[in-house]
C-alpha cells in the first residue's frame, strides 16, 4: 500500500469539531437527563483549551548521548481554558475578578446596585467545582467535552471597551487537584469524546 498524498480522507469532515464551544460550570451527567451545566455567559472570539504536560528526563550516568526510553517522568501538569467574556452581571464580574458581590446599602448607593469586593486570601469557596467547555463532532452531533476540576480564574480582570462593539474581558480558568486526587495520582482534567461516527 502506497503512502497517502494528503491526510484528508472521505471520513475527515465527520470528525471535525465545529463552532466556538460553550463554557459551563457545575457540569454533571444524569442517566435520565444526560449532560447538564450552567452557562458562564456569552463569549466572543472562540474558546481555547490548553493541557500542558511537562516531562523531565531522569539524569542517569552513561545515558547522556540521547534520550532513553523509560527515563522520562511527568514533572508538571497544567490544564486551562480561556475565552473572552462578553456578557456581564454582578455575578460574572465577581467570578472573573475573584471578588464577591453583595447588595449595596442605602448609605453606599441608590437601590439596584451591587458592590463587588475583594479579599486577600483564597478560600475553598473561591474554587468552582468544575468548568466544562464543549463543542460538537460534525459526524455524530455529539458533544466533545473537556472538564476541568476545582477551577480558579487566573486571568487578569479588565474591561476592553471600544466604539461600535461590546465590552469583553479575558477569562481563563485553571484546574487544581484536590488532595485526594493528588494522592491518587489523578489529574484534575478529563475529556469526553464520542467513540464512534455513524
N, C-alpha and C. Protein backbone atom coordinates (compact mmCIF):
# COMPACT_ATOMS: atom_id res chain seq x y z
N UNK A 1 0.84 -1.19 0.00
CA UNK A 1 0.00 0.00 0.00
C UNK A 1 0.88 1.24 0.00
N UNK A 2 0.62 2.16 -0.93
CA UNK A 2 1.44 3.37 -1.05
C UNK A 2 1.08 4.37 0.04
N UNK A 3 2.01 5.25 0.35
CA UNK A 3 1.75 6.31 1.32
C UNK A 3 0.75 7.30 0.73
N UNK A 4 -0.23 7.78 1.55
CA UNK A 4 -1.20 8.76 1.01
C UNK A 4 -0.52 10.09 0.73
N UNK A 5 -1.07 10.82 -0.23
CA UNK A 5 -0.52 12.13 -0.59
C UNK A 5 -0.99 13.24 0.34
N UNK A 6 -2.15 13.06 0.99
CA UNK A 6 -2.69 14.04 1.93
C UNK A 6 -3.29 13.30 3.12
N UNK A 7 -3.50 14.04 4.22
CA UNK A 7 -4.10 13.44 5.41
C UNK A 7 -5.61 13.33 5.33
N UNK A 8 -6.21 14.03 4.38
CA UNK A 8 -7.67 14.05 4.24
C UNK A 8 -8.17 12.71 3.72
N UNK A 9 -9.27 12.22 4.32
CA UNK A 9 -9.96 11.02 3.85
C UNK A 9 -11.44 11.36 3.71
N UNK A 10 -12.25 10.48 3.07
CA UNK A 10 -13.68 10.75 2.99
C UNK A 10 -14.35 10.91 4.35
N UNK A 11 -13.77 10.32 5.41
CA UNK A 11 -14.35 10.44 6.76
C UNK A 11 -13.91 11.70 7.50
N UNK A 12 -12.92 12.40 6.96
CA UNK A 12 -12.36 13.55 7.69
C UNK A 12 -13.41 14.57 8.12
N UNK A 13 -14.32 15.02 7.23
CA UNK A 13 -15.28 16.06 7.65
C UNK A 13 -16.17 15.62 8.81
N UNK A 14 -16.40 14.30 8.94
CA UNK A 14 -17.25 13.82 10.02
C UNK A 14 -16.58 13.95 11.39
N UNK A 15 -15.25 14.11 11.38
CA UNK A 15 -14.51 14.19 12.64
C UNK A 15 -14.07 15.61 12.99
N UNK A 16 -14.56 16.60 12.24
CA UNK A 16 -14.26 17.99 12.58
C UNK A 16 -15.04 18.40 13.84
N UNK A 17 -14.42 19.25 14.65
CA UNK A 17 -15.11 19.85 15.80
C UNK A 17 -15.56 21.23 15.34
N UNK A 18 -16.86 21.48 15.41
CA UNK A 18 -17.41 22.70 14.81
C UNK A 18 -17.88 23.69 15.86
N UNK A 19 -17.84 24.95 15.49
CA UNK A 19 -18.32 26.09 16.26
C UNK A 19 -17.40 26.43 17.43
N UNK A 20 -17.75 27.51 18.14
CA UNK A 20 -16.83 28.13 19.11
C UNK A 20 -16.76 27.39 20.44
N UNK A 21 -17.76 26.63 20.78
CA UNK A 21 -17.79 25.97 22.08
C UNK A 21 -18.54 26.80 23.10
N UNK A 22 -19.03 26.14 24.12
CA UNK A 22 -19.80 26.76 25.19
C UNK A 22 -19.12 26.42 26.52
N UNK A 23 -18.99 27.42 27.40
CA UNK A 23 -18.39 27.18 28.72
C UNK A 23 -19.50 27.13 29.76
N UNK A 24 -19.51 26.04 30.56
CA UNK A 24 -20.49 25.89 31.63
C UNK A 24 -19.77 25.54 32.92
N UNK A 25 -20.43 25.83 34.03
CA UNK A 25 -19.93 25.40 35.34
C UNK A 25 -20.88 24.35 35.90
N UNK A 26 -20.43 23.63 36.94
CA UNK A 26 -21.25 22.61 37.60
C UNK A 26 -21.72 21.56 36.60
N UNK A 27 -20.81 21.11 35.75
CA UNK A 27 -21.08 20.08 34.76
C UNK A 27 -21.35 18.75 35.45
N UNK A 28 -22.36 18.03 34.98
CA UNK A 28 -22.63 16.69 35.52
C UNK A 28 -23.38 15.85 34.51
N UNK A 29 -23.46 14.57 34.79
CA UNK A 29 -24.17 13.62 33.93
C UNK A 29 -25.21 12.89 34.76
N UNK A 30 -26.41 12.79 34.21
CA UNK A 30 -27.51 12.04 34.82
C UNK A 30 -27.99 11.03 33.79
N UNK A 31 -28.20 9.78 34.20
CA UNK A 31 -28.58 8.73 33.25
C UNK A 31 -29.87 9.04 32.51
N UNK A 32 -30.80 9.73 33.18
CA UNK A 32 -32.08 10.02 32.53
C UNK A 32 -32.08 11.35 31.78
N UNK A 33 -31.27 12.32 32.24
CA UNK A 33 -31.29 13.65 31.63
C UNK A 33 -30.08 13.95 30.75
N UNK A 34 -29.04 13.15 30.84
CA UNK A 34 -27.83 13.39 30.06
C UNK A 34 -26.92 14.41 30.72
N UNK A 35 -26.11 15.08 29.92
CA UNK A 35 -25.17 16.09 30.42
C UNK A 35 -25.91 17.38 30.74
N UNK A 36 -25.45 18.10 31.77
CA UNK A 36 -26.03 19.40 32.09
C UNK A 36 -24.96 20.29 32.71
N UNK A 37 -25.23 21.58 32.73
CA UNK A 37 -24.33 22.57 33.32
C UNK A 37 -24.95 23.95 33.21
N UNK A 38 -24.40 24.89 33.95
CA UNK A 38 -24.90 26.27 33.95
C UNK A 38 -23.95 27.14 33.13
N UNK A 39 -24.45 27.81 32.07
CA UNK A 39 -23.56 28.65 31.25
C UNK A 39 -22.91 29.76 32.07
N UNK A 40 -21.64 30.01 31.79
CA UNK A 40 -20.92 31.12 32.42
C UNK A 40 -21.41 32.44 31.84
N UNK A 41 -21.63 32.47 30.52
CA UNK A 41 -22.09 33.67 29.84
C UNK A 41 -21.65 33.66 28.39
N UNK A 42 -22.16 34.61 27.63
CA UNK A 42 -21.81 34.71 26.22
C UNK A 42 -20.34 35.10 26.07
N UNK A 43 -19.68 34.51 25.08
CA UNK A 43 -18.27 34.77 24.83
C UNK A 43 -18.09 35.31 23.41
N UNK A 44 -16.87 35.77 23.13
CA UNK A 44 -16.56 36.32 21.81
C UNK A 44 -15.19 35.83 21.38
N UNK A 45 -15.08 35.45 20.10
CA UNK A 45 -13.76 35.09 19.57
C UNK A 45 -13.37 33.65 19.80
N UNK A 46 -14.31 32.80 20.21
CA UNK A 46 -14.00 31.39 20.40
C UNK A 46 -13.41 31.09 21.77
N UNK A 47 -13.09 29.84 21.98
CA UNK A 47 -12.54 29.37 23.26
C UNK A 47 -11.30 28.53 22.98
N UNK A 48 -10.46 28.40 23.99
CA UNK A 48 -9.20 27.67 23.83
C UNK A 48 -8.96 26.79 25.05
N UNK A 49 -8.53 25.56 24.79
CA UNK A 49 -8.17 24.63 25.86
C UNK A 49 -6.68 24.32 25.73
N UNK A 50 -5.96 24.37 26.84
CA UNK A 50 -4.55 24.03 26.86
C UNK A 50 -4.28 23.03 27.97
N UNK A 51 -3.71 21.89 27.60
CA UNK A 51 -3.27 20.90 28.58
C UNK A 51 -1.77 20.76 28.39
N UNK A 52 -1.02 21.26 29.35
CA UNK A 52 0.44 21.33 29.26
C UNK A 52 1.05 20.29 30.19
N UNK A 53 1.59 19.22 29.59
CA UNK A 53 2.24 18.16 30.37
C UNK A 53 3.73 18.27 30.12
N UNK A 54 4.46 18.67 31.15
CA UNK A 54 5.91 18.80 31.02
C UNK A 54 6.57 17.51 31.51
N UNK A 55 7.53 17.04 30.73
CA UNK A 55 8.28 15.83 31.07
C UNK A 55 9.70 16.22 31.49
N UNK A 56 10.28 15.37 32.31
CA UNK A 56 11.68 15.55 32.72
C UNK A 56 12.43 14.26 32.46
N UNK A 57 13.61 14.39 31.89
CA UNK A 57 14.47 13.23 31.64
C UNK A 57 15.33 12.98 32.88
N UNK A 58 15.17 11.79 33.48
CA UNK A 58 15.96 11.47 34.68
C UNK A 58 17.44 11.39 34.30
N UNK A 59 18.27 11.97 35.15
CA UNK A 59 19.70 12.04 34.91
C UNK A 59 20.36 10.74 35.38
N UNK A 60 20.86 9.98 34.43
CA UNK A 60 21.49 8.69 34.75
C UNK A 60 22.88 8.66 34.13
N UNK A 61 23.87 8.29 34.91
CA UNK A 61 25.23 8.21 34.38
C UNK A 61 25.28 7.29 33.17
N UNK A 62 25.96 7.74 32.14
CA UNK A 62 26.14 6.94 30.93
C UNK A 62 25.03 7.12 29.91
N UNK A 63 23.87 7.66 30.32
CA UNK A 63 22.74 7.85 29.39
C UNK A 63 22.64 9.31 29.04
N UNK A 64 23.68 9.82 28.40
CA UNK A 64 23.73 11.25 28.12
C UNK A 64 23.74 11.59 26.63
N UNK A 65 23.91 10.61 25.76
CA UNK A 65 24.04 10.88 24.33
C UNK A 65 22.69 11.20 23.71
N UNK A 66 21.66 10.44 24.11
CA UNK A 66 20.32 10.60 23.54
C UNK A 66 19.28 10.30 24.61
N UNK A 67 18.09 10.87 24.51
CA UNK A 67 17.04 10.47 25.44
C UNK A 67 16.81 8.97 25.36
N UNK A 68 16.60 8.35 26.50
CA UNK A 68 16.43 6.90 26.58
C UNK A 68 15.01 6.57 26.99
N UNK A 69 14.39 5.65 26.26
CA UNK A 69 13.03 5.22 26.58
C UNK A 69 12.97 4.70 28.01
N UNK A 70 11.95 5.17 28.74
CA UNK A 70 11.77 4.73 30.12
C UNK A 70 12.33 5.68 31.16
N UNK A 71 13.10 6.69 30.71
CA UNK A 71 13.69 7.62 31.67
C UNK A 71 12.92 8.94 31.78
N UNK A 72 11.82 9.08 31.05
CA UNK A 72 11.01 10.29 31.14
C UNK A 72 9.97 10.15 32.25
N UNK A 73 9.83 11.19 33.05
CA UNK A 73 8.79 11.23 34.08
C UNK A 73 8.02 12.55 33.92
N UNK A 74 6.76 12.55 34.33
CA UNK A 74 5.97 13.77 34.28
C UNK A 74 6.41 14.68 35.41
N UNK A 75 6.75 15.90 35.05
CA UNK A 75 7.20 16.89 36.04
C UNK A 75 6.07 17.81 36.47
N UNK A 76 5.20 18.18 35.50
CA UNK A 76 4.08 19.05 35.86
C UNK A 76 2.93 18.85 34.87
N UNK A 77 1.73 19.17 35.34
CA UNK A 77 0.51 19.05 34.54
C UNK A 77 -0.34 20.28 34.81
N UNK A 78 -0.64 21.05 33.78
CA UNK A 78 -1.49 22.24 33.93
C UNK A 78 -2.57 22.21 32.87
N UNK A 79 -3.83 22.34 33.29
CA UNK A 79 -4.95 22.38 32.36
C UNK A 79 -5.65 23.72 32.51
N UNK A 80 -5.87 24.41 31.36
CA UNK A 80 -6.51 25.72 31.36
C UNK A 80 -7.51 25.81 30.21
N UNK A 81 -8.50 26.66 30.38
CA UNK A 81 -9.36 27.03 29.26
C UNK A 81 -9.56 28.54 29.32
N UNK A 82 -9.67 29.14 28.13
CA UNK A 82 -9.77 30.60 28.10
C UNK A 82 -10.68 31.06 26.97
N UNK A 83 -11.21 32.26 27.15
CA UNK A 83 -12.07 32.89 26.17
C UNK A 83 -12.14 34.38 26.51
N UNK A 84 -12.99 35.10 25.80
CA UNK A 84 -13.29 36.49 26.13
C UNK A 84 -14.77 36.55 26.49
N UNK A 85 -15.06 36.93 27.71
CA UNK A 85 -16.44 37.03 28.17
C UNK A 85 -17.05 38.32 27.65
N UNK A 86 -18.29 38.20 27.13
CA UNK A 86 -18.96 39.37 26.56
C UNK A 86 -20.24 39.70 27.32
N UNK A 87 -20.64 38.86 28.24
CA UNK A 87 -21.88 39.06 29.00
C UNK A 87 -21.53 39.34 30.45
N UNK A 88 -22.04 40.45 30.98
CA UNK A 88 -21.66 40.87 32.32
C UNK A 88 -22.86 41.04 33.22
N UNK A 89 -22.68 40.64 34.46
CA UNK A 89 -23.64 40.83 35.55
C UNK A 89 -22.79 40.95 36.80
N UNK A 90 -23.37 41.35 37.93
CA UNK A 90 -22.55 41.38 39.16
C UNK A 90 -21.92 40.02 39.45
N UNK A 91 -22.66 38.95 39.16
CA UNK A 91 -22.15 37.60 39.45
C UNK A 91 -20.98 37.25 38.54
N UNK A 92 -21.10 37.56 37.24
CA UNK A 92 -19.99 37.21 36.35
C UNK A 92 -18.77 38.10 36.60
N UNK A 93 -19.00 39.37 36.93
CA UNK A 93 -17.85 40.23 37.24
C UNK A 93 -17.16 39.74 38.51
N UNK A 94 -17.93 39.33 39.51
CA UNK A 94 -17.34 38.77 40.72
C UNK A 94 -16.55 37.51 40.39
N UNK A 95 -17.12 36.67 39.52
CA UNK A 95 -16.45 35.42 39.15
C UNK A 95 -15.12 35.69 38.47
N UNK A 96 -15.12 36.54 37.44
CA UNK A 96 -13.90 36.73 36.66
C UNK A 96 -12.88 37.62 37.34
N UNK A 97 -13.29 38.37 38.35
CA UNK A 97 -12.34 39.24 39.05
C UNK A 97 -11.86 38.62 40.37
N UNK A 98 -12.47 37.50 40.76
CA UNK A 98 -12.08 36.87 42.02
C UNK A 98 -12.68 37.54 43.24
N UNK A 99 -13.74 38.32 43.04
CA UNK A 99 -14.38 39.02 44.16
C UNK A 99 -15.69 38.37 44.56
N UNK A 100 -16.39 39.04 45.44
CA UNK A 100 -17.74 38.60 45.84
C UNK A 100 -18.68 39.79 45.71
N UNK A 101 -19.91 39.49 45.27
CA UNK A 101 -20.91 40.55 45.07
C UNK A 101 -21.86 40.57 46.25
N UNK A 102 -22.25 41.79 46.65
CA UNK A 102 -23.26 41.95 47.69
C UNK A 102 -24.10 43.16 47.34
N UNK A 103 -25.32 43.21 47.90
CA UNK A 103 -26.19 44.37 47.68
C UNK A 103 -25.60 45.59 48.38
N UNK A 104 -25.64 46.71 47.72
CA UNK A 104 -25.17 47.96 48.31
C UNK A 104 -26.16 48.41 49.39
N UNK A 105 -25.64 48.98 50.47
CA UNK A 105 -26.52 49.54 51.49
C UNK A 105 -27.03 50.89 51.02
N UNK A 106 -28.05 51.40 51.71
CA UNK A 106 -28.63 52.68 51.30
C UNK A 106 -27.66 53.85 51.49
N UNK A 107 -26.63 53.65 52.33
CA UNK A 107 -25.62 54.70 52.52
C UNK A 107 -24.53 54.66 51.44
N UNK A 108 -24.48 53.58 50.65
CA UNK A 108 -23.43 53.43 49.65
C UNK A 108 -23.87 53.80 48.24
N UNK A 109 -25.12 53.48 47.91
CA UNK A 109 -25.57 53.68 46.53
C UNK A 109 -27.09 53.64 46.48
N UNK A 110 -27.69 54.12 45.38
CA UNK A 110 -29.14 54.02 45.24
C UNK A 110 -29.58 52.56 45.13
N UNK A 111 -30.87 52.34 45.26
CA UNK A 111 -31.42 50.99 45.08
C UNK A 111 -30.99 50.43 43.73
N UNK A 112 -30.79 49.11 43.70
CA UNK A 112 -30.50 48.44 42.44
C UNK A 112 -29.02 48.29 42.13
N UNK A 113 -28.15 48.61 43.08
CA UNK A 113 -26.71 48.45 42.86
C UNK A 113 -26.16 47.32 43.72
N UNK A 114 -25.16 46.63 43.16
CA UNK A 114 -24.38 45.68 43.93
C UNK A 114 -22.94 46.14 43.95
N UNK A 115 -22.21 45.70 44.96
CA UNK A 115 -20.80 46.06 45.09
C UNK A 115 -19.98 44.78 45.06
N UNK A 116 -18.94 44.79 44.24
CA UNK A 116 -18.02 43.64 44.19
C UNK A 116 -16.80 44.02 45.02
N UNK A 117 -16.50 43.17 46.00
CA UNK A 117 -15.38 43.41 46.91
C UNK A 117 -14.37 42.27 46.83
N UNK A 118 -13.17 42.54 47.33
CA UNK A 118 -12.07 41.59 47.18
C UNK A 118 -11.42 41.29 48.53
N UNK A 119 -10.89 40.08 48.64
CA UNK A 119 -10.18 39.67 49.85
C UNK A 119 -8.79 39.20 49.49
N UNK A 120 -7.93 39.21 50.47
CA UNK A 120 -6.54 38.84 50.23
C UNK A 120 -6.36 37.33 50.11
N UNK A 121 -7.10 36.57 50.89
CA UNK A 121 -6.90 35.13 50.96
C UNK A 121 -7.77 34.38 49.94
N UNK A 122 -7.25 33.26 49.45
CA UNK A 122 -8.02 32.35 48.60
C UNK A 122 -8.67 31.32 49.52
N UNK A 123 -10.00 31.27 49.47
CA UNK A 123 -10.74 30.34 50.33
C UNK A 123 -11.25 29.17 49.51
N UNK A 124 -11.60 28.08 50.19
CA UNK A 124 -12.13 26.90 49.49
C UNK A 124 -13.33 27.26 48.63
N UNK A 125 -14.17 28.18 49.10
CA UNK A 125 -15.36 28.57 48.36
C UNK A 125 -15.06 29.35 47.08
N UNK A 126 -13.81 29.79 46.90
CA UNK A 126 -13.43 30.51 45.68
C UNK A 126 -13.25 29.58 44.49
N UNK A 127 -13.04 28.29 44.78
CA UNK A 127 -12.86 27.31 43.71
C UNK A 127 -14.22 26.89 43.15
N UNK A 128 -14.32 26.81 41.84
CA UNK A 128 -15.53 26.30 41.18
C UNK A 128 -15.33 24.79 41.03
N UNK A 129 -16.32 24.00 41.49
CA UNK A 129 -16.16 22.54 41.48
C UNK A 129 -15.67 22.02 40.14
N UNK A 130 -16.29 22.47 39.07
CA UNK A 130 -15.77 22.12 37.75
C UNK A 130 -16.28 23.11 36.71
N UNK A 131 -15.52 23.21 35.64
CA UNK A 131 -15.89 24.03 34.49
C UNK A 131 -15.68 23.15 33.27
N UNK A 132 -16.63 23.19 32.34
CA UNK A 132 -16.53 22.38 31.13
C UNK A 132 -16.70 23.26 29.91
N UNK A 133 -16.02 22.89 28.86
CA UNK A 133 -16.24 23.51 27.56
C UNK A 133 -16.61 22.41 26.59
N UNK A 134 -17.60 22.67 25.75
CA UNK A 134 -17.96 21.64 24.78
C UNK A 134 -18.26 22.24 23.42
N UNK A 135 -17.88 21.47 22.42
CA UNK A 135 -18.24 21.73 21.03
C UNK A 135 -18.89 20.47 20.51
N UNK A 136 -19.09 20.39 19.21
CA UNK A 136 -19.81 19.25 18.65
C UNK A 136 -19.00 18.59 17.55
N UNK A 137 -19.04 17.26 17.53
CA UNK A 137 -18.44 16.50 16.45
C UNK A 137 -19.40 16.53 15.27
N UNK A 138 -18.91 16.90 14.12
CA UNK A 138 -19.79 17.09 12.96
C UNK A 138 -20.52 15.81 12.58
N UNK A 139 -19.83 14.67 12.59
CA UNK A 139 -20.43 13.43 12.11
C UNK A 139 -21.54 12.88 12.97
N UNK A 140 -21.39 12.99 14.30
CA UNK A 140 -22.37 12.41 15.21
C UNK A 140 -23.30 13.45 15.82
N UNK A 141 -22.88 14.72 15.81
CA UNK A 141 -23.66 15.75 16.50
C UNK A 141 -23.53 15.65 18.01
N UNK A 142 -22.67 14.74 18.50
CA UNK A 142 -22.47 14.58 19.94
C UNK A 142 -21.46 15.59 20.46
N UNK A 143 -21.60 15.88 21.75
CA UNK A 143 -20.69 16.84 22.38
C UNK A 143 -19.31 16.23 22.57
N UNK A 144 -18.29 17.05 22.37
CA UNK A 144 -16.92 16.75 22.78
C UNK A 144 -16.66 17.68 23.94
N UNK A 145 -16.38 17.12 25.12
CA UNK A 145 -16.40 17.90 26.36
C UNK A 145 -15.05 17.80 27.07
N UNK A 146 -14.51 18.95 27.44
CA UNK A 146 -13.30 18.98 28.28
C UNK A 146 -13.73 19.54 29.63
N UNK A 147 -13.42 18.79 30.70
CA UNK A 147 -13.82 19.17 32.05
C UNK A 147 -12.59 19.45 32.90
N UNK A 148 -12.58 20.59 33.56
CA UNK A 148 -11.52 20.97 34.49
C UNK A 148 -12.11 21.02 35.89
N UNK A 149 -11.43 20.41 36.85
CA UNK A 149 -11.91 20.35 38.23
C UNK A 149 -11.32 21.48 39.07
N UNK A 150 -12.08 21.91 40.08
CA UNK A 150 -11.59 22.83 41.12
C UNK A 150 -10.90 24.04 40.50
N UNK A 151 -11.66 24.80 39.72
CA UNK A 151 -11.09 25.89 38.93
C UNK A 151 -11.02 27.20 39.70
N UNK A 152 -9.95 27.91 39.45
CA UNK A 152 -9.83 29.32 39.84
C UNK A 152 -9.68 30.13 38.57
N UNK A 153 -10.19 31.35 38.59
CA UNK A 153 -9.95 32.26 37.48
C UNK A 153 -8.54 32.81 37.65
N UNK A 154 -7.71 32.61 36.62
CA UNK A 154 -6.30 33.02 36.72
C UNK A 154 -5.96 34.12 35.72
N UNK A 155 -6.95 34.66 35.03
CA UNK A 155 -6.71 35.79 34.13
C UNK A 155 -6.80 37.09 34.91
N UNK A 156 -6.22 38.13 34.35
CA UNK A 156 -6.30 39.47 34.93
C UNK A 156 -7.64 40.08 34.54
N UNK A 157 -8.34 40.65 35.52
CA UNK A 157 -9.62 41.27 35.21
C UNK A 157 -9.39 42.63 34.55
N UNK A 158 -10.11 42.84 33.47
CA UNK A 158 -10.06 44.12 32.79
C UNK A 158 -11.20 44.19 31.80
N UNK A 159 -11.72 45.36 31.56
CA UNK A 159 -12.78 45.55 30.58
C UNK A 159 -12.18 46.19 29.33
N UNK A 160 -12.34 45.52 28.21
CA UNK A 160 -11.85 46.04 26.94
C UNK A 160 -13.05 46.64 26.20
N UNK A 161 -13.13 47.97 26.18
CA UNK A 161 -14.27 48.64 25.55
C UNK A 161 -13.80 49.37 24.29
N UNK A 162 -14.69 49.44 23.28
CA UNK A 162 -14.37 50.15 22.05
C UNK A 162 -15.64 50.57 21.35
N UNK A 163 -15.54 51.59 20.52
CA UNK A 163 -16.69 52.04 19.75
C UNK A 163 -17.16 50.95 18.80
N UNK A 164 -18.47 50.93 18.55
CA UNK A 164 -19.10 50.00 17.62
C UNK A 164 -18.83 48.54 17.98
N UNK A 165 -18.70 48.27 19.25
CA UNK A 165 -18.50 46.89 19.72
C UNK A 165 -18.91 46.83 21.19
N UNK A 166 -19.05 45.61 21.70
CA UNK A 166 -19.39 45.42 23.10
C UNK A 166 -18.12 45.15 23.91
N UNK A 167 -18.18 45.47 25.19
CA UNK A 167 -17.02 45.23 26.07
C UNK A 167 -16.77 43.74 26.22
N UNK A 168 -15.50 43.38 26.37
CA UNK A 168 -15.12 42.00 26.66
C UNK A 168 -14.10 42.00 27.79
N UNK A 169 -13.92 40.84 28.40
CA UNK A 169 -12.89 40.67 29.42
C UNK A 169 -12.28 39.29 29.25
N UNK A 170 -10.97 39.20 29.41
CA UNK A 170 -10.31 37.90 29.36
C UNK A 170 -10.86 37.01 30.46
N UNK A 171 -10.99 35.74 30.14
CA UNK A 171 -11.49 34.76 31.11
C UNK A 171 -10.66 33.51 30.97
N UNK A 172 -9.89 33.18 32.00
CA UNK A 172 -9.07 31.97 31.98
C UNK A 172 -9.31 31.19 33.26
N UNK A 173 -9.62 29.92 33.12
CA UNK A 173 -9.79 29.02 34.26
C UNK A 173 -8.60 28.06 34.30
N UNK A 174 -8.08 27.81 35.50
CA UNK A 174 -7.01 26.83 35.69
C UNK A 174 -7.49 25.77 36.67
N UNK A 175 -7.29 24.51 36.30
CA UNK A 175 -7.72 23.38 37.13
C UNK A 175 -6.74 23.16 38.28
N UNK A 176 -7.29 22.66 39.40
CA UNK A 176 -6.48 22.33 40.58
C UNK A 176 -6.89 20.95 41.08
N UNK A 177 -5.93 20.16 41.46
CA UNK A 177 -6.22 18.84 42.03
C UNK A 177 -6.62 18.99 43.50
N UNK A 178 -7.55 18.16 43.94
CA UNK A 178 -7.83 18.06 45.37
C UNK A 178 -6.70 17.25 46.01
N UNK A 179 -6.56 17.33 47.33
CA UNK A 179 -5.56 16.47 47.98
C UNK A 179 -5.78 14.98 47.65
N UNK A 180 -7.05 14.55 47.59
CA UNK A 180 -7.33 13.14 47.26
C UNK A 180 -6.88 12.80 45.85
N UNK A 181 -7.14 13.70 44.89
CA UNK A 181 -6.68 13.46 43.52
C UNK A 181 -5.15 13.40 43.47
N UNK A 182 -4.51 14.31 44.19
CA UNK A 182 -3.05 14.33 44.20
C UNK A 182 -2.48 13.02 44.75
N UNK A 183 -3.04 12.57 45.88
CA UNK A 183 -2.54 11.34 46.50
C UNK A 183 -2.78 10.11 45.64
N UNK A 184 -3.85 10.15 44.83
CA UNK A 184 -4.16 9.02 43.94
C UNK A 184 -3.44 9.13 42.59
N UNK A 185 -2.72 10.23 42.37
CA UNK A 185 -2.03 10.43 41.11
C UNK A 185 -2.97 10.77 39.96
N UNK A 186 -4.14 11.33 40.28
CA UNK A 186 -5.13 11.68 39.25
C UNK A 186 -4.98 13.15 38.88
N UNK A 187 -5.15 13.44 37.60
CA UNK A 187 -5.08 14.82 37.13
C UNK A 187 -6.49 15.44 37.16
N UNK A 188 -6.60 16.74 37.40
CA UNK A 188 -7.92 17.40 37.53
C UNK A 188 -8.52 17.81 36.19
N UNK A 189 -8.44 16.92 35.22
CA UNK A 189 -8.94 17.23 33.88
C UNK A 189 -9.29 15.93 33.17
N UNK A 190 -10.36 15.95 32.36
CA UNK A 190 -10.72 14.79 31.55
C UNK A 190 -11.46 15.24 30.31
N UNK A 191 -11.45 14.37 29.30
CA UNK A 191 -12.08 14.68 28.02
C UNK A 191 -13.09 13.59 27.69
N UNK A 192 -14.31 14.00 27.35
CA UNK A 192 -15.34 13.07 26.88
C UNK A 192 -15.39 13.19 25.36
N UNK A 193 -15.17 12.06 24.67
CA UNK A 193 -15.13 12.08 23.22
C UNK A 193 -16.00 10.96 22.65
N UNK A 194 -16.85 11.24 21.66
CA UNK A 194 -17.69 10.18 21.09
C UNK A 194 -16.83 9.03 20.57
N UNK A 195 -17.26 7.80 20.83
CA UNK A 195 -16.44 6.65 20.47
C UNK A 195 -16.61 6.21 19.03
N UNK A 196 -17.73 6.55 18.40
CA UNK A 196 -17.96 6.13 17.02
C UNK A 196 -18.59 7.25 16.21
N UNK A 197 -18.47 7.14 14.87
CA UNK A 197 -19.18 8.02 13.96
C UNK A 197 -20.23 7.18 13.23
N UNK A 198 -21.33 7.79 12.70
CA UNK A 198 -22.38 7.00 12.08
C UNK A 198 -21.91 6.30 10.82
